[in-house]
Structure formats: structure tokens, C-alpha cells
């Protein structure tokens, strides 16, 4: 007689339901990143929400603009400047929105 093998439960793909907790283990790199955002006065929840929103907006913009196919991870670069300043886009710049 053979023994029945139990299969592992399928991992859920996608976010948890609204109102449910999302969990991630904090490793050293994540801890250091959270310390940086804490210097802005953010608590851990706000820092995670803000960071997630920033990255989701960047990925969605790449897909919407056709920079890369939907479902693929785009190369993300950033522009950093002082508060209230925006980058100057030269005429004919193909990267402008």
C-alpha cells in the first residue's frame, strides 16, 4: 500500500482582504530603511503604506505609459531634489509624461 502524500496548501496570490493585516518579517535591511523613514516622523505603519504607494504608483506608471509590458518589473530610477522642486524636462525629452 502506498502512502498518500499531502500537498502543501496553495499560496494565495494577491493582497490580503481590506481590513486584514499584512505581514512581513523585518530583516536588517528593512529595519535600516524603517529607521530612515522614522526620521521623517513616520511610524512603521505609515512608512510601509507610504513606501508601498510610491512603488505601486511607479510600476503602474510604467505599465500605463507602455514603458514595459504589464506584469513585468520595470527598471525604476528616481529623481531627488529639495522640497517643492520638480525636475526640468527639456523639450523633446521622450521620457516626459
PDB file of N, CA and C in Angstrom:
ATOM      1  N   UNK A   1       0.825  -1.184   0.000  1.00  0.00           N
ATOM      2  CA  UNK A   1       0.000   0.000   0.000  1.00  0.00           C
ATOM      3  C   UNK A   1       0.867   1.245   0.000  1.00  0.00           C
ATOM      4  N   UNK A   2       0.530   2.165  -0.862  1.00  0.00           N
ATOM      5  CA  UNK A   2       1.257   3.428  -0.906  1.00  0.00           C
ATOM      6  C   UNK A   2       0.736   4.392   0.150  1.00  0.00           C
ATOM      7  N   UNK A   3       1.577   5.296   0.483  1.00  0.00           N
ATOM      8  CA  UNK A   3       1.137   6.323   1.442  1.00  0.00           C
ATOM      9  C   UNK A   3       0.732   7.560   0.669  1.00  0.00           C
ATOM     10  N   UNK A   4      -0.347   8.157   1.072  1.00  0.00           N
ATOM     11  CA  UNK A   4      -0.828   9.372   0.412  1.00  0.00           C
ATOM     12  C   UNK A   4       0.051  10.543   0.830  1.00  0.00           C
ATOM     13  N   UNK A   5       0.470  11.300  -0.137  1.00  0.00           N
ATOM     14  CA  UNK A   5       1.272  12.479   0.161  1.00  0.00           C
ATOM     15  C   UNK A   5       0.355  13.679   0.288  1.00  0.00           C
ATOM     16  N   UNK A   6       0.591  14.441   1.326  1.00  0.00           N
ATOM     17  CA  UNK A   6      -0.177  15.660   1.493  1.00  0.00           C
ATOM     18  C   UNK A   6       0.509  16.757   0.700  1.00  0.00           C
ATOM     19  N   UNK A   7      -0.277  17.480  -0.068  1.00  0.00           N
ATOM     20  CA  UNK A   7       0.306  18.598  -0.807  1.00  0.00           C
ATOM     21  C   UNK A   7       0.190  19.856   0.047  1.00  0.00           C
ATOM     22  N   UNK A   8       1.160  20.711  -0.119  1.00  0.00           N
ATOM     23  CA  UNK A   8       1.146  21.968   0.629  1.00  0.00           C
ATOM     24  C   UNK A   8      -0.012  22.818   0.125  1.00  0.00           C
ATOM     25  N   UNK A   9      -0.642  23.560   1.034  1.00  0.00           N
ATOM     26  CA  UNK A   9      -1.732  24.425   0.586  1.00  0.00           C
ATOM     27  C   UNK A   9      -1.197  25.478  -0.388  1.00  0.00           C
ATOM     28  N   UNK A  10      -2.003  25.797  -1.369  1.00  0.00           N
ATOM     29  CA  UNK A  10      -1.585  26.780  -2.368  1.00  0.00           C
ATOM     30  C   UNK A  10      -1.437  28.139  -1.705  1.00  0.00           C
ATOM     31  N   UNK A  11      -0.365  28.844  -2.062  1.00  0.00           N
ATOM     32  CA  UNK A  11      -0.164  30.188  -1.539  1.00  0.00           C
ATOM     33  C   UNK A  11      -1.132  31.132  -2.232  1.00  0.00           C
ATOM     34  N   UNK A  12      -1.725  31.997  -1.444  1.00  0.00           N
ATOM     35  CA  UNK A  12      -2.635  32.987  -2.000  1.00  0.00           C
ATOM     36  C   UNK A  12      -1.824  34.056  -2.719  1.00  0.00           C
ATOM     37  N   UNK A  13      -2.205  34.355  -3.935  1.00  0.00           N
ATOM     38  CA  UNK A  13      -1.548  35.401  -4.694  1.00  0.00           C
ATOM     39  C   UNK A  13      -2.417  36.643  -4.600  1.00  0.00           C
ATOM     40  N   UNK A  14      -1.802  37.744  -4.284  1.00  0.00           N
ATOM     41  CA  UNK A  14      -2.544  38.994  -4.172  1.00  0.00           C
ATOM     42  C   UNK A  14      -2.572  39.478  -2.736  1.00  0.00           C
ATOM     43  N   UNK A  15      -3.118  40.652  -2.549  1.00  0.00           N
ATOM     44  CA  UNK A  15      -3.122  41.243  -1.218  1.00  0.00           C
ATOM     45  C   UNK A  15      -4.159  40.610  -0.301  1.00  0.00           C
ATOM     46  N   UNK A  16      -3.976  40.826   1.010  1.00  0.00           N
ATOM     47  CA  UNK A  16      -5.000  40.362   1.941  1.00  0.00           C
ATOM     48  C   UNK A  16      -6.276  41.188   1.751  1.00  0.00           C
ATOM     49  N   UNK A  17      -7.363  40.715   2.278  1.00  0.00           N
ATOM     50  CA  UNK A  17      -8.619  41.452   2.195  1.00  0.00           C
ATOM     51  C   UNK A  17      -8.478  42.790   2.922  1.00  0.00           C
ATOM     52  N   UNK A  18      -9.285  43.770   2.518  1.00  0.00           N
ATOM     53  CA  UNK A  18      -9.272  45.081   3.168  1.00  0.00           C
ATOM     54  C   UNK A  18      -9.589  44.895   4.652  1.00  0.00           C
ATOM     55  N   UNK A  19      -8.815  45.534   5.491  1.00  0.00           N
ATOM     56  CA  UNK A  19      -9.011  45.445   6.934  1.00  0.00           C
ATOM     57  C   UNK A  19      -8.204  44.351   7.601  1.00  0.00           C
ATOM     58  N   UNK A  20      -7.632  43.439   6.798  1.00  0.00           N
ATOM     59  CA  UNK A  20      -6.793  42.365   7.351  1.00  0.00           C
ATOM     60  C   UNK A  20      -5.358  42.858   7.460  1.00  0.00           C
ATOM     61  N   UNK A  21      -4.605  42.236   8.343  1.00  0.00           N
ATOM     62  CA  UNK A  21      -3.200  42.577   8.494  1.00  0.00           C
ATOM     63  C   UNK A  21      -2.359  41.922   7.412  1.00  0.00           C
ATOM     64  N   UNK A  22      -1.373  42.662   6.933  1.00  0.00           N
ATOM     65  CA  UNK A  22      -0.381  42.105   6.017  1.00  0.00           C
ATOM     66  C   UNK A  22       0.896  41.959   6.825  1.00  0.00           C
ATOM     67  N   UNK A  23       1.586  40.874   6.652  1.00  0.00           N
ATOM     68  CA  UNK A  23       2.776  40.659   7.467  1.00  0.00           C
ATOM     69  C   UNK A  23       4.013  40.430   6.636  1.00  0.00           C
ATOM     70  N   UNK A  24       5.112  40.919   7.154  1.00  0.00           N
ATOM     71  CA  UNK A  24       6.422  40.671   6.549  1.00  0.00           C
ATOM     72  C   UNK A  24       7.444  40.699   7.669  1.00  0.00           C
ATOM     73  N   UNK A  25       8.346  39.767   7.636  1.00  0.00           N
ATOM     74  CA  UNK A  25       9.407  39.736   8.642  1.00  0.00           C
ATOM     75  C   UNK A  25      10.375  40.893   8.378  1.00  0.00           C
ATOM     76  N   UNK A  26      10.760  41.585   9.438  1.00  0.00           N
ATOM     77  CA  UNK A  26      11.681  42.710   9.320  1.00  0.00           C
ATOM     78  C   UNK A  26      13.108  42.181   9.418  1.00  0.00           C
ATOM     79  N   UNK A  27      13.816  42.246   8.285  1.00  0.00           N
ATOM     80  CA  UNK A  27      15.225  41.849   8.296  1.00  0.00           C
ATOM     81  C   UNK A  27      16.083  43.091   8.538  1.00  0.00           C
ATOM     82  N   UNK A  28      17.394  42.929   8.531  1.00  0.00           N
ATOM     83  CA  UNK A  28      18.292  44.046   8.838  1.00  0.00           C
ATOM     84  C   UNK A  28      18.115  45.211   7.867  1.00  0.00           C
ATOM     85  N   UNK A  29      18.017  44.917   6.578  1.00  0.00           N
ATOM     86  CA  UNK A  29      17.863  45.974   5.576  1.00  0.00           C
ATOM     87  C   UNK A  29      16.549  46.724   5.760  1.00  0.00           C
ATOM     88  N   UNK A  30      15.475  45.980   5.981  1.00  0.00           N
ATOM     89  CA  UNK A  30      14.162  46.597   6.209  1.00  0.00           C
ATOM     90  C   UNK A  30      14.195  47.460   7.473  1.00  0.00           C
ATOM     91  N   UNK A  31      14.852  46.970   8.507  1.00  0.00           N
ATOM     92  CA  UNK A  31      14.972  47.720   9.751  1.00  0.00           C
ATOM     93  C   UNK A  31      15.692  49.045   9.511  1.00  0.00           C
ATOM     94  N   UNK A  32      16.783  49.004   8.757  1.00  0.00           N
ATOM     95  CA  UNK A  32      17.524  50.224   8.449  1.00  0.00           C
ATOM     96  C   UNK A  32      16.675  51.195   7.631  1.00  0.00           C
ATOM     97  N   UNK A  33      15.919  50.671   6.667  1.00  0.00           N
ATOM     98  CA  UNK A  33      15.038  51.522   5.856  1.00  0.00           C
ATOM     99  C   UNK A  33      13.964  52.175   6.727  1.00  0.00           C
ATOM    100  N   UNK A  34      13.399  51.423   7.650  1.00  0.00           N
ATOM    101  CA  UNK A  34      12.378  51.971   8.544  1.00  0.00           C
ATOM    102  C   UNK A  34      12.962  53.035   9.475  1.00  0.00           C
ATOM    103  N   UNK A  35      14.210  52.856   9.895  1.00  0.00           N
ATOM    104  CA  UNK A  35      14.863  53.877  10.719  1.00  0.00           C
ATOM    105  C   UNK A  35      14.993  55.197   9.949  1.00  0.00           C
ATOM    106  N   UNK A  36      15.318  55.104   8.660  1.00  0.00           N
ATOM    107  CA  UNK A  36      15.433  56.312   7.838  1.00  0.00           C
ATOM    108  C   UNK A  36      14.092  57.028   7.750  1.00  0.00           C
ATOM    109  N   UNK A  37      13.031  56.282   7.470  1.00  0.00           N
ATOM    110  CA  UNK A  37      11.711  56.903   7.338  1.00  0.00           C
ATOM    111  C   UNK A  37      11.188  57.401   8.680  1.00  0.00           C
ATOM    112  N   UNK A  38      11.617  56.788   9.774  1.00  0.00           N
ATOM    113  CA  UNK A  38      11.221  57.259  11.102  1.00  0.00           C
ATOM    114  C   UNK A  38      11.760  58.670  11.348  1.00  0.00           C
ATOM    115  N   UNK A  39      12.877  58.996  10.733  1.00  0.00           N
ATOM    116  CA  UNK A  39      13.447  60.338  10.882  1.00  0.00           C
ATOM    117  C   UNK A  39      12.562  61.403  10.250  1.00  0.00           C
ATOM    118  N   UNK A  40      11.604  60.988   9.411  1.00  0.00           N
ATOM    119  CA  UNK A  40      10.610  61.902   8.850  1.00  0.00           C
ATOM    120  C   UNK A  40       9.401  62.044   9.765  1.00  0.00           C
ATOM    121  N   UNK A  41       9.418  61.310  10.863  1.00  0.00           N
ATOM    122  CA  UNK A  41       8.294  61.342  11.790  1.00  0.00           C
ATOM    123  C   UNK A  41       7.246  60.272  11.498  1.00  0.00           C
ATOM    124  N   UNK A  42       7.568  59.348  10.611  1.00  0.00           N
ATOM    125  CA  UNK A  42       6.618  58.287  10.259  1.00  0.00           C
ATOM    126  C   UNK A  42       6.731  57.133  11.241  1.00  0.00           C
ATOM    127  N   UNK A  43       5.576  56.578  11.626  1.00  0.00           N
ATOM    128  CA  UNK A  43       5.611  55.333  12.370  1.00  0.00           C
ATOM    129  C   UNK A  43       5.748  54.199  11.357  1.00  0.00           C
ATOM    130  N   UNK A  44       5.923  52.989  11.827  1.00  0.00           N
ATOM    131  CA  UNK A  44       6.168  51.857  10.925  1.00  0.00           C
ATOM    132  C   UNK A  44       5.017  51.652   9.948  1.00  0.00           C
ATOM    133  N   UNK A  45       3.793  51.724  10.423  1.00  0.00           N
ATOM    134  CA  UNK A  45       2.636  51.520   9.540  1.00  0.00           C
ATOM    135  C   UNK A  45       2.601  52.570   8.438  1.00  0.00           C
ATOM    136  N   UNK A  46       2.770  53.835   8.809  1.00  0.00           N
ATOM    137  CA  UNK A  46       2.744  54.900   7.806  1.00  0.00           C
ATOM    138  C   UNK A  46       3.900  54.770   6.817  1.00  0.00           C
ATOM    139  N   UNK A  47       5.070  54.390   7.301  1.00  0.00           N
ATOM    140  CA  UNK A  47       6.227  54.227   6.426  1.00  0.00           C
ATOM    141  C   UNK A  47       5.996  53.118   5.403  1.00  0.00           C
ATOM    142  N   UNK A  48       5.429  52.014   5.847  1.00  0.00           N
ATOM    143  CA  UNK A  48       5.152  50.904   4.932  1.00  0.00           C
ATOM    144  C   UNK A  48       4.087  51.301   3.920  1.00  0.00           C
ATOM    145  N   UNK A  49       3.019  51.929   4.388  1.00  0.00           N
ATOM    146  CA  UNK A  49       1.951  52.361   3.466  1.00  0.00           C
ATOM    147  C   UNK A  49       2.477  53.356   2.444  1.00  0.00           C
ATOM    148  N   UNK A  50       3.251  54.350   2.909  1.00  0.00           N
ATOM    149  CA  UNK A  50       3.783  55.373   2.013  1.00  0.00           C
ATOM    150  C   UNK A  50       4.715  54.746   0.976  1.00  0.00           C
ATOM    151  N   UNK A  51       5.611  53.891   1.436  1.00  0.00           N
ATOM    152  CA  UNK A  51       6.564  53.243   0.529  1.00  0.00           C
ATOM    153  C   UNK A  51       5.854  52.375  -0.499  1.00  0.00           C
ATOM    154  N   UNK A  52       4.874  51.621  -0.045  1.00  0.00           N
ATOM    155  CA  UNK A  52       4.122  50.753  -0.939  1.00  0.00           C
ATOM    156  C   UNK A  52       3.395  51.568  -2.002  1.00  0.00           C
ATOM    157  N   UNK A  53       2.788  52.673  -1.589  1.00  0.00           N
ATOM    158  CA  UNK A  53       2.088  53.543  -2.538  1.00  0.00           C
ATOM    159  C   UNK A  53       3.046  54.113  -3.570  1.00  0.00           C
ATOM    160  N   UNK A  54       4.234  54.558  -3.134  1.00  0.00           N
ATOM    161  CA  UNK A  54       5.212  55.130  -4.059  1.00  0.00           C
ATOM    162  C   UNK A  54       5.626  54.106  -5.119  1.00  0.00           C
ATOM    163  N   UNK A  55       5.927  52.898  -4.678  1.00  0.00           N
ATOM    164  CA  UNK A  55       6.371  51.878  -5.626  1.00  0.00           C
ATOM    165  C   UNK A  55       5.238  51.422  -6.539  1.00  0.00           C
ATOM    166  N   UNK A  56       4.045  51.258  -5.987  1.00  0.00           N
ATOM    167  CA  UNK A  56       2.908  50.851  -6.818  1.00  0.00           C
ATOM    168  C   UNK A  56       2.619  51.914  -7.878  1.00  0.00           C
ATOM    169  N   UNK A  57       2.706  53.188  -7.520  1.00  0.00           N
ATOM    170  CA  UNK A  57       2.496  54.258  -8.495  1.00  0.00           C
ATOM    171  C   UNK A  57       3.556  54.226  -9.594  1.00  0.00           C
ATOM    172  N   UNK A  58       4.802  53.969  -9.223  1.00  0.00           N
ATOM    173  CA  UNK A  58       5.879  53.907 -10.214  1.00  0.00           C
ATOM    174  C   UNK A  58       5.679  52.741 -11.184  1.00  0.00           C
ATOM    175  N   UNK A  59       5.349  51.577 -10.652  1.00  0.00           N
ATOM    176  CA  UNK A  59       5.125  50.398 -11.505  1.00  0.00           C
ATOM    177  C   UNK A  59       3.920  50.624 -12.410  1.00  0.00           C
ATOM    178  N   UNK A  60       2.820  51.144 -11.844  1.00  0.00           N
ATOM    179  CA  UNK A  60       1.615  51.386 -12.638  1.00  0.00           C
ATOM    180  C   UNK A  60       1.882  52.407 -13.742  1.00  0.00           C
ATOM    181  N   UNK A  61       2.661  53.446 -13.442  1.00  0.00           N
ATOM    182  CA  UNK A  61       3.001  54.443 -14.463  1.00  0.00           C
ATOM    183  C   UNK A  61       3.781  53.809 -15.609  1.00  0.00           C
ATOM    184  N   UNK A  62       4.714  52.937 -15.285  1.00  0.00           N
ATOM    185  CA  UNK A  62       5.496  52.264 -16.333  1.00  0.00           C
ATOM    186  C   UNK A  62       4.592  51.417 -17.217  1.00  0.00           C
ATOM    187  N   UNK A  63       3.652  50.718 -16.619  1.00  0.00           N
ATOM    188  CA  UNK A  63       2.734  49.890 -17.408  1.00  0.00           C
ATOM    189  C   UNK A  63       1.793  50.756 -18.240  1.00  0.00           C
ATOM    190  N   UNK A  64       1.238  51.807 -17.625  1.00  0.00           N
ATOM    191  CA  UNK A  64       0.272  52.665 -18.307  1.00  0.00           C
ATOM    192  C   UNK A  64       0.903  53.388 -19.487  1.00  0.00           C
ATOM    193  N   UNK A  65       2.143  53.812 -19.318  1.00  0.00           N
ATOM    194  CA  UNK A  65       2.843  54.537 -20.385  1.00  0.00           C
ATOM    195  C   UNK A  65       3.468  53.614 -21.419  1.00  0.00           C
ATOM    196  N   UNK A  66       3.395  52.315 -21.177  1.00  0.00           N
ATOM    197  CA  UNK A  66       3.958  51.366 -22.125  1.00  0.00           C
ATOM    198  C   UNK A  66       5.467  51.233 -22.032  1.00  0.00           C
ATOM    199  N   UNK A  67       6.042  51.682 -20.925  1.00  0.00           N
ATOM    200  CA  UNK A  67       7.484  51.564 -20.733  1.00  0.00           C
ATOM    201  C   UNK A  67       7.911  50.109 -20.695  1.00  0.00           C
ATOM    202  N   UNK A  68       7.070  49.277 -20.113  1.00  0.00           N
ATOM    203  CA  UNK A  68       7.318  47.839 -20.088  1.00  0.00           C
ATOM    204  C   UNK A  68       5.958  47.139 -20.068  1.00  0.00           C
ATOM    205  N   UNK A  69       5.911  45.887 -20.480  1.00  0.00           N
ATOM    206  CA  UNK A  69       4.637  45.171 -20.505  1.00  0.00           C
ATOM    207  C   UNK A  69       4.061  44.997 -19.097  1.00  0.00           C
ATOM    208  N   UNK A  70       2.752  45.076 -19.000  1.00  0.00           N
ATOM    209  CA  UNK A  70       2.086  44.853 -17.721  1.00  0.00           C
ATOM    210  C   UNK A  70       2.466  43.472 -17.190  1.00  0.00           C
ATOM    211  N   UNK A  71       2.694  43.410 -15.900  1.00  0.00           N
ATOM    212  CA  UNK A  71       3.075  42.154 -15.276  1.00  0.00           C
ATOM    213  C   UNK A  71       4.575  41.953 -15.190  1.00  0.00           C
ATOM    214  N   UNK A  72       5.340  42.884 -15.767  1.00  0.00           N
ATOM    215  CA  UNK A  72       6.800  42.801 -15.667  1.00  0.00           C
ATOM    216  C   UNK A  72       7.301  43.925 -14.768  1.00  0.00           C
ATOM    217  N   UNK A  73       8.422  43.703 -14.124  1.00  0.00           N
ATOM    218  CA  UNK A  73       9.000  44.689 -13.216  1.00  0.00           C
ATOM    219  C   UNK A  73       9.851  45.668 -14.006  1.00  0.00           C
ATOM    220  N   UNK A  74       9.471  46.965 -13.980  1.00  0.00           N
ATOM    221  CA  UNK A  74      10.277  47.942 -14.710  1.00  0.00           C
ATOM    222  C   UNK A  74      11.554  48.294 -13.946  1.00  0.00           C
ATOM    223  N   UNK A  75      12.522  48.831 -14.666  1.00  0.00           N
ATOM    224  CA  UNK A  75      13.693  49.407 -14.009  1.00  0.00           C
ATOM    225  C   UNK A  75      13.227  50.754 -13.468  1.00  0.00           C
ATOM    226  N   UNK A  76      13.402  50.964 -12.186  1.00  0.00           N
ATOM    227  CA  UNK A  76      12.919  52.195 -11.563  1.00  0.00           C
ATOM    228  C   UNK A  76      14.114  53.041 -11.159  1.00  0.00           C
ATOM    229  N   UNK A  77      14.127  54.279 -11.645  1.00  0.00           N
ATOM    230  CA  UNK A  77      15.133  55.242 -11.246  1.00  0.00           C
ATOM    231  C   UNK A  77      14.400  56.399 -10.576  1.00  0.00           C
ATOM    232  N   UNK A  78      15.118  57.192  -9.797  1.00  0.00           N
ATOM    233  CA  UNK A  78      14.457  58.276  -9.081  1.00  0.00           C
ATOM    234  C   UNK A  78      15.152  59.594  -9.341  1.00  0.00           C
ATOM    235  N   UNK A  79      14.437  60.654  -9.123  1.00  0.00           N
ATOM    236  CA  UNK A  79      14.986  61.994  -9.127  1.00  0.00           C
ATOM    237  C   UNK A  79      14.820  62.516  -7.716  1.00  0.00           C
ATOM    238  N   UNK A  80      15.891  63.022  -7.125  1.00  0.00           N
ATOM    239  CA  UNK A  80      15.849  63.522  -5.758  1.00  0.00           C
ATOM    240  C   UNK A  80      16.220  64.988  -5.777  1.00  0.00           C
ATOM    241  N   UNK A  81      15.394  65.796  -5.151  1.00  0.00           N
ATOM    242  CA  UNK A  81      15.670  67.221  -5.080  1.00  0.00           C
ATOM    243  C   UNK A  81      15.116  67.802  -3.806  1.00  0.00           C
ATOM    244  N   UNK A  82      15.365  69.081  -3.603  1.00  0.00           N
ATOM    245  CA  UNK A  82      14.836  69.722  -2.400  1.00  0.00           C
ATOM    246  C   UNK A  82      13.309  69.779  -2.453  1.00  0.00           C
ATOM    247  N   UNK A  83      12.663  69.926  -1.301  1.00  0.00           N
ATOM    248  CA  UNK A  83      11.202  70.009  -1.288  1.00  0.00           C
ATOM    249  C   UNK A  83      10.692  71.110  -2.210  1.00  0.00           C
ATOM    250  N   UNK A  84       9.534  70.885  -2.793  1.00  0.00           N
ATOM    251  CA  UNK A  84       8.851  71.856  -3.657  1.00  0.00           C
ATOM    252  C   UNK A  84       9.539  72.081  -4.987  1.00  0.00           C
ATOM    253  N   UNK A  85      10.541  71.282  -5.324  1.00  0.00           N
ATOM    254  CA  UNK A  85      11.218  71.457  -6.598  1.00  0.00           C
ATOM    255  C   UNK A  85      10.866  70.293  -7.508  1.00  0.00           C
ATOM    256  N   UNK A  86      10.704  70.560  -8.772  1.00  0.00           N
ATOM    257  CA  UNK A  86      10.421  69.498  -9.735  1.00  0.00           C
ATOM    258  C   UNK A  86      11.509  69.493 -10.793  1.00  0.00           C
ATOM    259  N   UNK A  87      11.774  68.334 -11.388  1.00  0.00           N
ATOM    260  CA  UNK A  87      12.821  68.279 -12.414  1.00  0.00           C
ATOM    261  C   UNK A  87      12.428  69.062 -13.650  1.00  0.00           C
ATOM    262  N   UNK A  88      13.395  69.672 -14.286  1.00  0.00           N
ATOM    263  CA  UNK A  88      13.176  70.389 -15.529  1.00  0.00           C
ATOM    264  C   UNK A  88      13.284  69.392 -16.670  1.00  0.00           C
ATOM    265  N   UNK A  89      12.273  69.355 -17.511  1.00  0.00           N
ATOM    266  CA  UNK A  89      12.278  68.447 -18.653  1.00  0.00           C
ATOM    267  C   UNK A  89      12.562  69.281 -19.890  1.00  0.00           C
ATOM    268  N   UNK A  90      13.604  68.908 -20.606  1.00  0.00           N
ATOM    269  CA  UNK A  90      13.938  69.657 -21.809  1.00  0.00           C
ATOM    270  C   UNK A  90      12.993  69.270 -22.941  1.00  0.00           C
ATOM    271  N   UNK A  91      12.781  70.207 -23.853  1.00  0.00           N
ATOM    272  CA  UNK A  91      11.867  69.969 -24.965  1.00  0.00           C
ATOM    273  C   UNK A  91      12.377  68.797 -25.796  1.00  0.00           C
ATOM    274  N   UNK A  92      11.465  67.916 -26.153  1.00  0.00           N
ATOM    275  CA  UNK A  92      11.816  66.759 -26.928  1.00  0.00           C
ATOM    276  C   UNK A  92      12.272  65.565 -26.096  1.00  0.00           C
ATOM    277  N   UNK A  93      12.233  65.695 -24.785  1.00  0.00           N
ATOM    278  CA  UNK A  93      12.615  64.593 -23.901  1.00  0.00           C
ATOM    279  C   UNK A  93      11.546  63.513 -23.993  1.00  0.00           C
ATOM    280  N   UNK A  94      11.912  62.351 -24.487  1.00  0.00           N
ATOM    281  CA  UNK A  94      10.951  61.268 -24.696  1.00  0.00           C
ATOM    282  C   UNK A  94      10.498  60.624 -23.412  1.00  0.00           C
ATOM    283  N   UNK A  95      11.146  60.945 -22.286  1.00  0.00           N
ATOM    284  CA  UNK A  95      10.743  60.334 -21.020  1.00  0.00           C
ATOM    285  C   UNK A  95       9.676  61.138 -20.301  1.00  0.00           C
ATOM    286  N   UNK A  96       9.337  62.313 -20.828  1.00  0.00           N
ATOM    287  CA  UNK A  96       8.326  63.141 -20.168  1.00  0.00           C
ATOM    288  C   UNK A  96       6.963  62.504 -20.317  1.00  0.00           C
ATOM    289  N   UNK A  97       6.134  62.702 -19.307  1.00  0.00           N
ATOM    290  CA  UNK A  97       4.776  62.118 -19.324  1.00  0.00           C
ATOM    291  C   UNK A  97       3.882  62.873 -20.264  1.00  0.00           C
TER     292      UNK A  97
END
